[in-house]
Amino acid sequence: MAKTMREELRGAILERVTKKENPLAGFYCDDQTREAILAVLVAGRHLLLEGPPGTGKTTLARIISSLLPSMETVADCRYNCYPNTPTCPDCRGKKNHKKVQVQGARRFVRIQGSPEMMPEDLMGDIDPVMAMRLGIQDPRAFTPGKIQKAHRKILFIDELNRVPQRTQNTLVQVLEEGITTIAGFDLTSQVGTIVVATENPEEFAGVERVSETLSDRFEEIRIGYPDMEDEVTILKQYGKKIDSVTIPEPMLYRAVAISNAARAMPEEIERLPSVRTSLSIYEQAQALARLKNAKQVREEHVEKAARRVLKGRLVVSAESRYYEKQDLLIEKVIEDARKR
């Protein structure tokens, strides 16, 4: 009997742990958070990641899917049926089922949450052309949504708390029973998936509460900002390099120190800078050095880049003494970073 996706993921994680390898290599967090995430996945539970933007939540979801081995499925099957036991409307009635391999990194379906998302966006809808040809009650006239397409894959839902609660509730049956039932078609399809969802903190605009019924199906883990060493590593790994410009190690730390100095002012800043802020400072400092025909990034390049980046990203709190004095706040941030 073929292994379920949960069993495959559990096996892949435990194999790496046995070899003393980090299954989540490329995602930066403290050991306690990493252990909690792995425990949820090994238990086969759904994962809800709460934290500010730019802390690697999407990267984590892709790393999880890359742990999965290749899967064999029926060619052209929109429901990813097991080749030996195909049950979906696409496969019924066919005598021969051509098999294809899907690489582990492609066993990933992403849904971007938004206030306009309707249940049909997740669950699928009627294809009017197929309904005219086959009849409106024929299950083949139904176009599966991303939920059905996530069978045997990781289903990643970014910003779940921007999705209206009516649409959120379409996920409950999937998370509880691992199936979807489409009224009017007498169509029940298996959805063997692990859902990795993210939510932004409640103070962010455009967010709703995840309903209690739905949140009870998730294990929630808080993702914070990486420490300085990890954030410098992120700059080296993901930041873009400009040819013929070098950036000394102390300047990498200065870029991160500026972001950290701003994060230490939650009473002054409404929305704290993410890791993307550090990446932008890192890249623009190199660009400034190149424009000045300098072969190496200096402190003046980092600080000038930081002023530009922070001006477009920092939102000063209405209660802050720096309200309507953003430039003074930015200078304060840069001054504090020099002391770190």
C-alpha atoms as a PDB file:
ATOM      1  CA  MET A   1       0.000   0.000   0.000  1.00  0.00           C
ATOM      2  CA  ALA A   2       1.350   3.423  -0.981  1.00  0.00           C
ATOM      3  CA  LYS A   3       2.481   5.696   1.823  1.00  0.00           C
ATOM      4  CA  THR A   4       0.418   8.756   2.593  1.00  0.00           C
ATOM      5  CA  MET A   5       1.961  12.189   2.220  1.00  0.00           C
ATOM      6  CA  ARG A   6       2.100  12.527   6.018  1.00  0.00           C
ATOM      7  CA  GLU A   7       4.046   9.269   6.314  1.00  0.00           C
ATOM      8  CA  GLU A   8       6.460  10.374   3.588  1.00  0.00           C
ATOM      9  CA  LEU A   9       7.101  13.691   5.308  1.00  0.00           C
ATOM     10  CA  ARG A  10       7.524  12.067   8.726  1.00  0.00           C
ATOM     11  CA  GLY A  11      10.011   9.577   7.281  1.00  0.00           C
ATOM     12  CA  ALA A  12      12.018  12.287   5.504  1.00  0.00           C
ATOM     13  CA  ILE A  13      12.285  14.384   8.674  1.00  0.00           C
ATOM     14  CA  LEU A  14      13.249  11.490  10.944  1.00  0.00           C
ATOM     15  CA  GLU A  15      15.834  10.233   8.454  1.00  0.00           C
ATOM     16  CA  ARG A  16      17.592  13.606   8.516  1.00  0.00           C
ATOM     17  CA  VAL A  17      17.360  13.881  12.294  1.00  0.00           C
ATOM     18  CA  THR A  18      18.922  10.409  12.618  1.00  0.00           C
ATOM     19  CA  LYS A  19      21.800  11.596  10.437  1.00  0.00           C
ATOM     20  CA  LYS A  20      22.091  14.692  12.668  1.00  0.00           C
ATOM     21  CA  GLU A  21      21.118  16.934   9.742  1.00  0.00           C
ATOM     22  CA  ASN A  22      18.836  19.959  10.022  1.00  0.00           C
ATOM     23  CA  PRO A  23      15.634  19.152   8.085  1.00  0.00           C
ATOM     24  CA  LEU A  24      14.808  22.874   7.907  1.00  0.00           C
ATOM     25  CA  ALA A  25      18.211  24.062   6.636  1.00  0.00           C
ATOM     26  CA  GLY A  26      17.789  27.475   5.025  1.00  0.00           C
ATOM     27  CA  PHE A  27      15.169  28.640   7.525  1.00  0.00           C
ATOM     28  CA  TYR A  28      16.611  30.625  10.407  1.00  0.00           C
ATOM     29  CA  CYS A  29      15.091  30.495  13.889  1.00  0.00           C
ATOM     30  CA  ASP A  30      16.022  29.471  17.413  1.00  0.00           C
ATOM     31  CA  ASP A  31      16.343  25.794  18.353  1.00  0.00           C
ATOM     32  CA  GLN A  32      13.133  25.775  20.390  1.00  0.00           C
ATOM     33  CA  THR A  33      11.056  27.093  17.473  1.00  0.00           C
ATOM     34  CA  ARG A  34      12.670  24.622  15.053  1.00  0.00           C
ATOM     35  CA  GLU A  35      11.936  21.708  17.382  1.00  0.00           C
ATOM     36  CA  ALA A  36       8.302  22.805  17.777  1.00  0.00           C
ATOM     37  CA  ILE A  37       7.807  23.009  13.994  1.00  0.00           C
ATOM     38  CA  LEU A  38       9.330  19.572  13.433  1.00  0.00           C
ATOM     39  CA  ALA A  39       7.221  18.041  16.201  1.00  0.00           C
ATOM     40  CA  VAL A  40       4.029  19.363  14.572  1.00  0.00           C
ATOM     41  CA  LEU A  41       5.038  17.956  11.170  1.00  0.00           C
ATOM     42  CA  VAL A  42       6.127  14.564  12.514  1.00  0.00           C
ATOM     43  CA  ALA A  43       2.775  14.330  14.322  1.00  0.00           C
ATOM     44  CA  GLY A  44       1.043  15.016  10.979  1.00  0.00           C
ATOM     45  CA  ARG A  45      -0.684  18.138  12.227  1.00  0.00           C
ATOM     46  CA  HIS A  46      -1.487  21.342  10.345  1.00  0.00           C
ATOM     47  CA  LEU A  47       0.755  24.328  11.048  1.00  0.00           C
ATOM     48  CA  LEU A  48      -0.193  27.976  11.579  1.00  0.00           C
ATOM     49  CA  LEU A  49       2.764  30.391  11.620  1.00  0.00           C
ATOM     50  CA  GLU A  50       2.095  33.734  13.286  1.00  0.00           C
ATOM     51  CA  GLY A  51       4.524  36.596  12.923  1.00  0.00           C
ATOM     52  CA  PRO A  52       5.422  39.778  11.064  1.00  0.00           C
ATOM     53  CA  PRO A  53       6.195  39.788   7.330  1.00  0.00           C
ATOM     54  CA  GLY A  54       9.704  39.018   6.196  1.00  0.00           C
ATOM     55  CA  THR A  55      10.533  36.346   8.793  1.00  0.00           C
ATOM     56  CA  GLY A  56      10.839  33.473   6.317  1.00  0.00           C
ATOM     57  CA  LYS A  57       7.416  31.850   6.634  1.00  0.00           C
ATOM     58  CA  THR A  58       7.036  31.273   2.883  1.00  0.00           C
ATOM     59  CA  THR A  59      10.600  29.996   2.684  1.00  0.00           C
ATOM     60  CA  LEU A  60       9.805  27.530   5.470  1.00  0.00           C
ATOM     61  CA  ALA A  61       6.753  26.177   3.616  1.00  0.00           C
ATOM     62  CA  ARG A  62       8.825  25.571   0.475  1.00  0.00           C
ATOM     63  CA  ILE A  63      11.565  23.865   2.483  1.00  0.00           C
ATOM     64  CA  ILE A  64       8.958  21.530   3.992  1.00  0.00           C
ATOM     65  CA  SER A  65       7.648  20.545   0.545  1.00  0.00           C
ATOM     66  CA  SER A  66      11.207  19.983  -0.709  1.00  0.00           C
ATOM     67  CA  LEU A  67      11.614  17.294   1.980  1.00  0.00           C
ATOM     68  CA  LEU A  68       9.024  15.157   0.205  1.00  0.00           C
ATOM     69  CA  PRO A  69      10.212  12.503  -2.262  1.00  0.00           C
ATOM     70  CA  SER A  70       8.921  12.332  -5.829  1.00  0.00           C
ATOM     71  CA  MET A  71       5.370  11.062  -6.116  1.00  0.00           C
ATOM     72  CA  GLU A  72       3.834   8.899  -8.804  1.00  0.00           C
ATOM     73  CA  THR A  73       0.418   9.998 -10.012  1.00  0.00           C
ATOM     74  CA  VAL A  74      -1.919   9.602 -12.974  1.00  0.00           C
ATOM     75  CA  ALA A  75      -0.985  11.807 -15.925  1.00  0.00           C
ATOM     76  CA  ASP A  76      -3.414  14.701 -16.504  1.00  0.00           C
ATOM     77  CA  CYS A  77      -5.266  13.929 -13.260  1.00  0.00           C
ATOM     78  CA  ARG A  78      -6.299  17.165 -11.574  1.00  0.00           C
ATOM     79  CA  TYR A  79      -6.817  15.353  -8.257  1.00  0.00           C
ATOM     80  CA  ASN A  80      -3.368  13.646  -8.062  1.00  0.00           C
ATOM     81  CA  CYS A  81      -4.838  10.148  -7.789  1.00  0.00           C
ATOM     82  CA  TYR A  82      -2.747   7.174  -6.705  1.00  0.00           C
ATOM     83  CA  PRO A  83      -2.135   5.251  -9.979  1.00  0.00           C
ATOM     84  CA  ASN A  84      -3.176   1.906  -8.482  1.00  0.00           C
ATOM     85  CA  THR A  85      -6.414   3.221  -6.946  1.00  0.00           C
ATOM     86  CA  PRO A  86      -7.689   6.156  -9.044  1.00  0.00           C
ATOM     87  CA  THR A  87     -11.096   7.369  -7.858  1.00  0.00           C
ATOM     88  CA  CYS A  88     -11.657  10.891  -9.182  1.00  0.00           C
ATOM     89  CA  PRO A  89     -13.984  11.934 -12.039  1.00  0.00           C
ATOM     90  CA  ASP A  90     -10.969  12.456 -14.313  1.00  0.00           C
ATOM     91  CA  CYS A  91      -9.867   8.843 -13.899  1.00  0.00           C
ATOM     92  CA  ARG A  92     -13.176   6.961 -13.651  1.00  0.00           C
ATOM     93  CA  GLY A  93     -14.008   4.922 -16.720  1.00  0.00           C
ATOM     94  CA  LYS A  94     -10.464   4.966 -18.080  1.00  0.00           C
ATOM     95  CA  LYS A  95      -8.903   1.551 -18.585  1.00  0.00           C
ATOM     96  CA  ASN A  96      -5.308   2.653 -18.903  1.00  0.00           C
ATOM     97  CA  HIS A  97      -3.701   5.213 -16.616  1.00  0.00           C
ATOM     98  CA  LYS A  98      -0.426   6.698 -17.749  1.00  0.00           C
ATOM     99  CA  LYS A  99       1.861   7.410 -14.803  1.00  0.00           C
ATOM    100  CA  VAL A 100       4.039  10.474 -14.240  1.00  0.00           C
ATOM    101  CA  GLN A 101       6.530  11.488 -11.563  1.00  0.00           C
ATOM    102  CA  VAL A 102       6.167  14.787  -9.693  1.00  0.00           C
ATOM    103  CA  GLN A 103       9.318  16.038  -7.986  1.00  0.00           C
ATOM    104  CA  GLY A 104       9.146  16.801  -4.263  1.00  0.00           C
ATOM    105  CA  ALA A 105       9.719  20.534  -4.666  1.00  0.00           C
ATOM    106  CA  ARG A 106       6.655  20.670  -6.952  1.00  0.00           C
ATOM    107  CA  ARG A 107       4.443  19.048  -4.333  1.00  0.00           C
ATOM    108  CA  PHE A 108       3.469  22.521  -3.195  1.00  0.00           C
ATOM    109  CA  VAL A 109       0.283  24.516  -3.783  1.00  0.00           C
ATOM    110  CA  ARG A 110       0.149  28.163  -2.751  1.00  0.00           C
ATOM    111  CA  ILE A 111      -2.941  30.238  -1.956  1.00  0.00           C
ATOM    112  CA  GLN A 112      -2.554  33.972  -1.367  1.00  0.00           C
ATOM    113  CA  GLY A 113      -5.135  35.181   1.143  1.00  0.00           C
ATOM    114  CA  SER A 114      -7.161  38.301   0.382  1.00  0.00           C
ATOM    115  CA  PRO A 115     -10.443  39.870   1.560  1.00  0.00           C
ATOM    116  CA  GLU A 116     -11.964  39.212  -1.884  1.00  0.00           C
ATOM    117  CA  MET A 117     -11.399  35.454  -1.787  1.00  0.00           C
ATOM    118  CA  MET A 118     -14.591  33.419  -2.261  1.00  0.00           C
ATOM    119  CA  PRO A 119     -15.233  29.769  -1.327  1.00  0.00           C
ATOM    120  CA  GLU A 120     -15.230  28.878  -5.031  1.00  0.00           C
ATOM    121  CA  ASP A 121     -11.647  30.132  -5.289  1.00  0.00           C
ATOM    122  CA  LEU A 122     -10.620  27.359  -2.915  1.00  0.00           C
ATOM    123  CA  MET A 123     -13.167  24.637  -3.666  1.00  0.00           C
ATOM    124  CA  GLY A 124     -13.541  24.981  -7.443  1.00  0.00           C
ATOM    125  CA  ASP A 125     -16.580  25.677  -9.578  1.00  0.00           C
ATOM    126  CA  ILE A 126     -18.557  24.561 -12.626  1.00  0.00           C
ATOM    127  CA  ASP A 127     -16.902  24.813 -16.032  1.00  0.00           C
ATOM    128  CA  PRO A 128     -19.766  26.170 -18.203  1.00  0.00           C
ATOM    129  CA  VAL A 129     -18.326  24.710 -21.425  1.00  0.00           C
ATOM    130  CA  MET A 130     -17.998  21.222 -19.925  1.00  0.00           C
ATOM    131  CA  ALA A 131     -21.429  21.545 -18.310  1.00  0.00           C
ATOM    132  CA  MET A 132     -22.984  22.285 -21.722  1.00  0.00           C
ATOM    133  CA  ARG A 133     -21.285  19.245 -23.229  1.00  0.00           C
ATOM    134  CA  LEU A 134     -21.634  16.723 -20.399  1.00  0.00           C
ATOM    135  CA  GLY A 135     -24.586  18.041 -18.400  1.00  0.00           C
ATOM    136  CA  ILE A 136     -24.562  20.187 -15.309  1.00  0.00           C
ATOM    137  CA  GLN A 137     -24.777  17.188 -12.951  1.00  0.00           C
ATOM    138  CA  ASP A 138     -21.758  15.386 -14.445  1.00  0.00           C
ATOM    139  CA  PRO A 139     -18.820  15.546 -11.992  1.00  0.00           C
ATOM    140  CA  ARG A 140     -16.434  16.019 -14.912  1.00  0.00           C
ATOM    141  CA  ALA A 141     -18.017  19.459 -15.428  1.00  0.00           C
ATOM    142  CA  PHE A 142     -16.586  20.505 -12.074  1.00  0.00           C
ATOM    143  CA  THR A 143     -13.220  22.275 -12.132  1.00  0.00           C
ATOM    144  CA  PRO A 144     -11.356  21.422  -8.916  1.00  0.00           C
ATOM    145  CA  GLY A 145      -9.956  24.261  -6.843  1.00  0.00           C
ATOM    146  CA  LYS A 146      -6.553  24.530  -5.244  1.00  0.00           C
ATOM    147  CA  ILE A 147      -7.699  22.498  -2.262  1.00  0.00           C
ATOM    148  CA  GLN A 148      -8.355  19.395  -4.387  1.00  0.00           C
ATOM    149  CA  LYS A 149      -5.154  19.991  -6.344  1.00  0.00           C
ATOM    150  CA  ALA A 150      -3.247  19.905  -3.041  1.00  0.00           C
ATOM    151  CA  HIS A 151      -3.991  16.184  -2.557  1.00  0.00           C
ATOM    152  CA  ARG A 152      -0.656  14.543  -1.666  1.00  0.00           C
ATOM    153  CA  LYS A 153       1.020  17.967  -1.549  1.00  0.00           C
ATOM    154  CA  ILE A 154       1.745  20.758   0.943  1.00  0.00           C
ATOM    155  CA  LEU A 155      -1.031  23.363   0.877  1.00  0.00           C
ATOM    156  CA  PHE A 156       0.419  26.745   1.776  1.00  0.00           C
ATOM    157  CA  ILE A 157      -2.061  29.522   2.632  1.00  0.00           C
ATOM    158  CA  ASP A 158      -0.355  32.878   3.010  1.00  0.00           C
ATOM    159  CA  GLU A 159      -2.091  35.423   5.250  1.00  0.00           C
ATOM    160  CA  LEU A 160      -4.984  33.205   6.277  1.00  0.00           C
ATOM    161  CA  ASN A 161      -6.376  35.964   8.479  1.00  0.00           C
ATOM    162  CA  ARG A 162      -6.984  38.176   5.450  1.00  0.00           C
ATOM    163  CA  VAL A 163      -9.482  35.590   4.151  1.00  0.00           C
ATOM    164  CA  PRO A 164     -13.178  36.218   5.026  1.00  0.00           C
ATOM    165  CA  GLN A 165     -14.485  33.833   7.669  1.00  0.00           C
ATOM    166  CA  ARG A 166     -17.100  32.380   5.301  1.00  0.00           C
ATOM    167  CA  THR A 167     -14.274  31.301   3.005  1.00  0.00           C
ATOM    168  CA  GLN A 168     -12.107  30.188   5.927  1.00  0.00           C
ATOM    169  CA  ASN A 169     -14.807  27.753   6.975  1.00  0.00           C
ATOM    170  CA  THR A 170     -14.593  25.861   3.683  1.00  0.00           C
ATOM    171  CA  LEU A 171     -11.295  24.513   5.004  1.00  0.00           C
ATOM    172  CA  VAL A 172     -12.763  22.892   8.110  1.00  0.00           C
ATOM    173  CA  GLN A 173     -13.853  19.623   6.454  1.00  0.00           C
ATOM    174  CA  VAL A 174     -10.475  19.299   4.724  1.00  0.00           C
ATOM    175  CA  LEU A 175      -8.525  19.783   7.947  1.00  0.00           C
ATOM    176  CA  GLU A 176     -10.802  17.564  10.010  1.00  0.00           C
ATOM    177  CA  GLU A 177     -11.612  14.700   7.624  1.00  0.00           C
ATOM    178  CA  GLY A 178      -9.158  14.996   4.730  1.00  0.00           C
ATOM    179  CA  ILE A 179     -11.940  15.170   2.130  1.00  0.00           C
ATOM    180  CA  THR A 180     -14.011  17.704   0.217  1.00  0.00           C
ATOM    181  CA  THR A 181     -17.675  17.252  -0.561  1.00  0.00           C
ATOM    182  CA  ILE A 182     -19.118  19.162  -3.503  1.00  0.00           C
ATOM    183  CA  ALA A 183     -22.857  19.656  -3.122  1.00  0.00           C
ATOM    184  CA  GLY A 184     -24.887  19.066  -6.273  1.00  0.00           C
ATOM    185  CA  PHE A 185     -22.351  16.690  -7.790  1.00  0.00           C
ATOM    186  CA  ASP A 186     -22.393  13.947  -5.165  1.00  0.00           C
ATOM    187  CA  LEU A 187     -18.624  14.287  -5.415  1.00  0.00           C
ATOM    188  CA  THR A 188     -16.347  13.493  -2.493  1.00  0.00           C
ATOM    189  CA  SER A 189     -12.613  13.687  -3.137  1.00  0.00           C
ATOM    190  CA  GLN A 190      -9.710  12.756  -0.908  1.00  0.00           C
ATOM    191  CA  VAL A 191      -7.399  15.604   0.099  1.00  0.00           C
ATOM    192  CA  GLY A 192      -4.402  14.119   1.872  1.00  0.00           C
ATOM    193  CA  THR A 193      -2.478  17.279   2.692  1.00  0.00           C
ATOM    194  CA  ILE A 194      -0.720  19.151   5.437  1.00  0.00           C
ATOM    195  CA  VAL A 195      -1.728  22.792   5.511  1.00  0.00           C
ATOM    196  CA  VAL A 196       0.940  25.346   6.380  1.00  0.00           C
ATOM    197  CA  ALA A 197      -0.769  28.703   6.892  1.00  0.00           C
ATOM    198  CA  THR A 198       0.512  32.107   7.971  1.00  0.00           C
ATOM    199  CA  GLU A 199      -1.152  34.999   9.706  1.00  0.00           C
ATOM    200  CA  ASN A 200       0.012  38.548  10.321  1.00  0.00           C
ATOM    201  CA  PRO A 201      -0.316  40.146  13.765  1.00  0.00           C
ATOM    202  CA  GLU A 202      -3.723  41.710  14.446  1.00  0.00           C
ATOM    203  CA  GLU A 203      -2.344  45.238  14.329  1.00  0.00           C
ATOM    204  CA  PHE A 204      -1.777  44.920  10.583  1.00  0.00           C
ATOM    205  CA  ALA A 205      -4.411  46.459   8.316  1.00  0.00           C
ATOM    206  CA  GLY A 206      -6.901  44.225   6.538  1.00  0.00           C
ATOM    207  CA  VAL A 207      -6.695  41.240   8.865  1.00  0.00           C
ATOM    208  CA  GLU A 208      -9.544  39.260  10.420  1.00  0.00           C
ATOM    209  CA  ARG A 209      -9.543  36.760  13.210  1.00  0.00           C
ATOM    210  CA  VAL A 210      -9.157  33.149  12.187  1.00  0.00           C
ATOM    211  CA  SER A 211     -12.404  31.544  13.362  1.00  0.00           C
ATOM    212  CA  GLU A 212     -12.181  29.392  16.493  1.00  0.00           C
ATOM    213  CA  THR A 213     -13.567  26.421  14.568  1.00  0.00           C
ATOM    214  CA  LEU A 214     -10.739  26.650  12.064  1.00  0.00           C
ATOM    215  CA  SER A 215      -7.896  27.669  14.393  1.00  0.00           C
ATOM    216  CA  ASP A 216      -8.653  24.623  16.560  1.00  0.00           C
ATOM    217  CA  ARG A 217      -7.478  22.441  13.642  1.00  0.00           C
ATOM    218  CA  PHE A 218      -4.039  24.081  13.606  1.00  0.00           C
ATOM    219  CA  GLU A 219      -1.005  24.041  15.863  1.00  0.00           C
ATOM    220  CA  GLU A 220       0.096  27.679  16.167  1.00  0.00           C
ATOM    221  CA  ILE A 221       3.762  28.663  16.368  1.00  0.00           C
ATOM    222  CA  ARG A 222       5.100  32.197  16.702  1.00  0.00           C
ATOM    223  CA  ILE A 223       7.910  33.155  14.320  1.00  0.00           C
ATOM    224  CA  GLY A 224      10.041  36.092  15.447  1.00  0.00           C
ATOM    225  CA  TYR A 225      12.903  38.019  13.906  1.00  0.00           C
ATOM    226  CA  PRO A 226      16.183  36.081  13.498  1.00  0.00           C
ATOM    227  CA  ASP A 227      19.119  36.923  15.740  1.00  0.00           C
ATOM    228  CA  MET A 228      21.930  39.063  14.349  1.00  0.00           C
ATOM    229  CA  GLU A 229      24.159  36.153  13.281  1.00  0.00           C
ATOM    230  CA  ASP A 230      21.327  34.435  11.423  1.00  0.00           C
ATOM    231  CA  GLU A 231      20.237  37.668   9.766  1.00  0.00           C
ATOM    232  CA  VAL A 232      23.768  38.291   8.493  1.00  0.00           C
ATOM    233  CA  THR A 233      23.743  34.746   7.105  1.00  0.00           C
ATOM    234  CA  ILE A 234      20.440  35.522   5.355  1.00  0.00           C
ATOM    235  CA  LEU A 235      22.032  38.586   3.714  1.00  0.00           C
ATOM    236  CA  LYS A 236      24.893  36.441   2.446  1.00  0.00           C
ATOM    237  CA  GLN A 237      22.578  33.708   1.202  1.00  0.00           C
ATOM    238  CA  TYR A 238      19.699  35.661  -0.301  1.00  0.00           C
ATOM    239  CA  GLY A 239      21.035  39.186  -0.915  1.00  0.00           C
ATOM    240  CA  LYS A 240      21.982  40.192  -4.454  1.00  0.00           C
ATOM    241  CA  LYS A 241      25.657  40.892  -5.084  1.00  0.00           C
ATOM    242  CA  ILE A 242      26.873  43.608  -7.422  1.00  0.00           C
ATOM    243  CA  ASP A 243      29.928  42.653  -9.454  1.00  0.00           C
ATOM    244  CA  SER A 244      33.201  44.402  -8.649  1.00  0.00           C
ATOM    245  CA  VAL A 245      31.917  45.636  -5.260  1.00  0.00           C
ATOM    246  CA  THR A 246      32.895  43.909  -2.031  1.00  0.00           C
ATOM    247  CA  ILE A 247      31.137  44.435   1.265  1.00  0.00           C
ATOM    248  CA  PRO A 248      33.238  43.828   4.391  1.00  0.00           C
ATOM    249  CA  GLU A 249      31.805  41.757   7.216  1.00  0.00           C
ATOM    250  CA  PRO A 250      31.465  44.747   9.597  1.00  0.00           C
ATOM    251  CA  MET A 251      29.243  46.491   7.042  1.00  0.00           C
ATOM    252  CA  LEU A 252      26.932  43.456   6.932  1.00  0.00           C
ATOM    253  CA  TYR A 253      26.576  43.701  10.698  1.00  0.00           C
ATOM    254  CA  ARG A 254      25.977  47.460  10.439  1.00  0.00           C
ATOM    255  CA  ALA A 255      23.052  46.910   8.019  1.00  0.00           C
ATOM    256  CA  VAL A 256      21.479  44.411  10.421  1.00  0.00           C
ATOM    257  CA  ALA A 257      22.222  46.617  13.440  1.00  0.00           C
ATOM    258  CA  ILE A 258      20.212  49.433  11.858  1.00  0.00           C
ATOM    259  CA  SER A 259      17.174  47.165  11.444  1.00  0.00           C
ATOM    260  CA  ASN A 260      17.592  45.898  15.003  1.00  0.00           C
ATOM    261  CA  ALA A 261      17.828  49.442  16.355  1.00  0.00           C
ATOM    262  CA  ALA A 262      14.500  50.272  14.714  1.00  0.00           C
ATOM    263  CA  ARG A 263      12.917  47.059  16.037  1.00  0.00           C
ATOM    264  CA  ALA A 264      13.912  48.170  19.534  1.00  0.00           C
ATOM    265  CA  MET A 265      11.548  51.169  19.228  1.00  0.00           C
ATOM    266  CA  PRO A 266       8.042  49.638  19.131  1.00  0.00           C
ATOM    267  CA  GLU A 267       6.654  52.651  21.011  1.00  0.00           C
ATOM    268  CA  GLU A 268       7.879  54.972  18.220  1.00  0.00           C
ATOM    269  CA  ILE A 269       7.398  52.819  15.112  1.00  0.00           C
ATOM    270  CA  GLU A 270       4.027  51.398  14.127  1.00  0.00           C
ATOM    271  CA  ARG A 271       5.378  48.737  11.769  1.00  0.00           C
ATOM    272  CA  LEU A 272       8.821  47.393  12.573  1.00  0.00           C
ATOM    273  CA  PRO A 273      11.310  46.660   9.770  1.00  0.00           C
ATOM    274  CA  SER A 274      11.487  43.117   8.447  1.00  0.00           C
ATOM    275  CA  VAL A 275      14.495  41.180   7.197  1.00  0.00           C
ATOM    276  CA  ARG A 276      13.673  42.590   3.755  1.00  0.00           C
ATOM    277  CA  THR A 277      14.699  45.996   5.137  1.00  0.00           C
ATOM    278  CA  SER A 278      18.177  44.656   5.937  1.00  0.00           C
ATOM    279  CA  LEU A 279      18.374  43.046   2.498  1.00  0.00           C
ATOM    280  CA  SER A 280      17.442  46.322   0.838  1.00  0.00           C
ATOM    281  CA  ILE A 281      20.076  48.262   2.828  1.00  0.00           C
ATOM    282  CA  TYR A 282      22.661  45.605   1.926  1.00  0.00           C
ATOM    283  CA  GLU A 283      21.881  45.777  -1.790  1.00  0.00           C
ATOM    284  CA  GLN A 284      21.510  49.554  -2.041  1.00  0.00           C
ATOM    285  CA  ALA A 285      24.764  50.144  -0.144  1.00  0.00           C
ATOM    286  CA  GLN A 286      26.538  48.143  -2.843  1.00  0.00           C
ATOM    287  CA  ALA A 287      24.724  50.112  -5.543  1.00  0.00           C
ATOM    288  CA  LEU A 288      25.824  53.415  -3.997  1.00  0.00           C
ATOM    289  CA  ALA A 289      29.422  52.218  -3.799  1.00  0.00           C
ATOM    290  CA  ARG A 290      29.298  51.190  -7.457  1.00  0.00           C
ATOM    291  CA  LEU A 291      27.857  54.555  -8.491  1.00  0.00           C
ATOM    292  CA  LYS A 292      30.742  56.267  -6.682  1.00  0.00           C
ATOM    293  CA  ASN A 293      33.279  53.950  -8.381  1.00  0.00           C
ATOM    294  CA  ALA A 294      34.214  52.549  -4.980  1.00  0.00           C
ATOM    295  CA  LYS A 295      35.362  48.931  -4.928  1.00  0.00           C
ATOM    296  CA  GLN A 296      34.301  48.415  -1.336  1.00  0.00           C
ATOM    297  CA  VAL A 297      31.211  49.354   0.666  1.00  0.00           C
ATOM    298  CA  ARG A 298      31.973  51.816   3.428  1.00  0.00           C
ATOM    299  CA  GLU A 299      30.020  53.005   6.454  1.00  0.00           C
ATOM    300  CA  GLU A 300      28.814  56.110   4.638  1.00  0.00           C
ATOM    301  CA  HIS A 301      27.256  53.953   1.896  1.00  0.00           C
ATOM    302  CA  VAL A 302      25.415  51.764   4.421  1.00  0.00           C
ATOM    303  CA  GLU A 303      24.039  54.735   6.354  1.00  0.00           C
ATOM    304  CA  LYS A 304      23.011  56.644   3.239  1.00  0.00           C
ATOM    305  CA  ALA A 305      21.252  53.534   1.908  1.00  0.00           C
ATOM    306  CA  ALA A 306      19.578  53.064   5.300  1.00  0.00           C
ATOM    307  CA  ARG A 307      18.174  56.599   5.271  1.00  0.00           C
ATOM    308  CA  ARG A 308      16.566  55.976   1.882  1.00  0.00           C
ATOM    309  CA  VAL A 309      15.256  52.532   2.746  1.00  0.00           C
ATOM    310  CA  LEU A 310      13.836  53.500   6.137  1.00  0.00           C
ATOM    311  CA  LYS A 311      12.161  56.607   4.744  1.00  0.00           C
ATOM    312  CA  GLY A 312      10.044  54.425   2.476  1.00  0.00           C
ATOM    313  CA  ARG A 313       9.359  51.694   5.033  1.00  0.00           C
ATOM    314  CA  LEU A 314       9.018  53.136   8.528  1.00  0.00           C
ATOM    315  CA  VAL A 315       5.558  54.145   9.694  1.00  0.00           C
ATOM    316  CA  VAL A 316       5.848  56.445  12.702  1.00  0.00           C
ATOM    317  CA  SER A 317       3.303  55.792  15.451  1.00  0.00           C
ATOM    318  CA  ALA A 318       0.679  58.496  15.964  1.00  0.00           C
ATOM    319  CA  GLU A 319       1.625  58.563  19.668  1.00  0.00           C
ATOM    320  CA  SER A 320       5.335  58.960  18.954  1.00  0.00           C
ATOM    321  CA  ARG A 321       7.220  62.124  19.847  1.00  0.00           C
ATOM    322  CA  TYR A 322       8.674  61.808  16.335  1.00  0.00           C
ATOM    323  CA  TYR A 323       5.284  61.960  14.660  1.00  0.00           C
ATOM    324  CA  GLU A 324       5.704  64.266  11.638  1.00  0.00           C
ATOM    325  CA  LYS A 325       9.474  64.154  12.319  1.00  0.00           C
ATOM    326  CA  GLN A 326      10.385  60.956  10.504  1.00  0.00           C
ATOM    327  CA  ASP A 327      13.846  62.205   9.494  1.00  0.00           C
ATOM    328  CA  LEU A 328      14.782  62.791  13.152  1.00  0.00           C
ATOM    329  CA  LEU A 329      13.602  59.288  14.048  1.00  0.00           C
ATOM    330  CA  ILE A 330      15.712  57.775  11.267  1.00  0.00           C
ATOM    331  CA  GLU A 331      18.781  59.644  12.516  1.00  0.00           C
ATOM    332  CA  LYS A 332      18.051  58.329  16.009  1.00  0.00           C
ATOM    333  CA  VAL A 333      17.886  54.775  14.635  1.00  0.00           C
ATOM    334  CA  ILE A 334      21.221  55.158  12.830  1.00  0.00           C
ATOM    335  CA  GLU A 335      22.841  56.711  15.916  1.00  0.00           C
ATOM    336  CA  ASP A 336      21.633  53.834  18.105  1.00  0.00           C
ATOM    337  CA  ALA A 337      22.953  51.320  15.551  1.00  0.00           C
ATOM    338  CA  ARG A 338      26.464  52.793  15.849  1.00  0.00           C
ATOM    339  CA  LYS A 339      26.465  51.841  19.540  1.00  0.00           C
ATOM    340  CA  ARG A 340      25.549  48.208  18.893  1.00  0.00           C
END
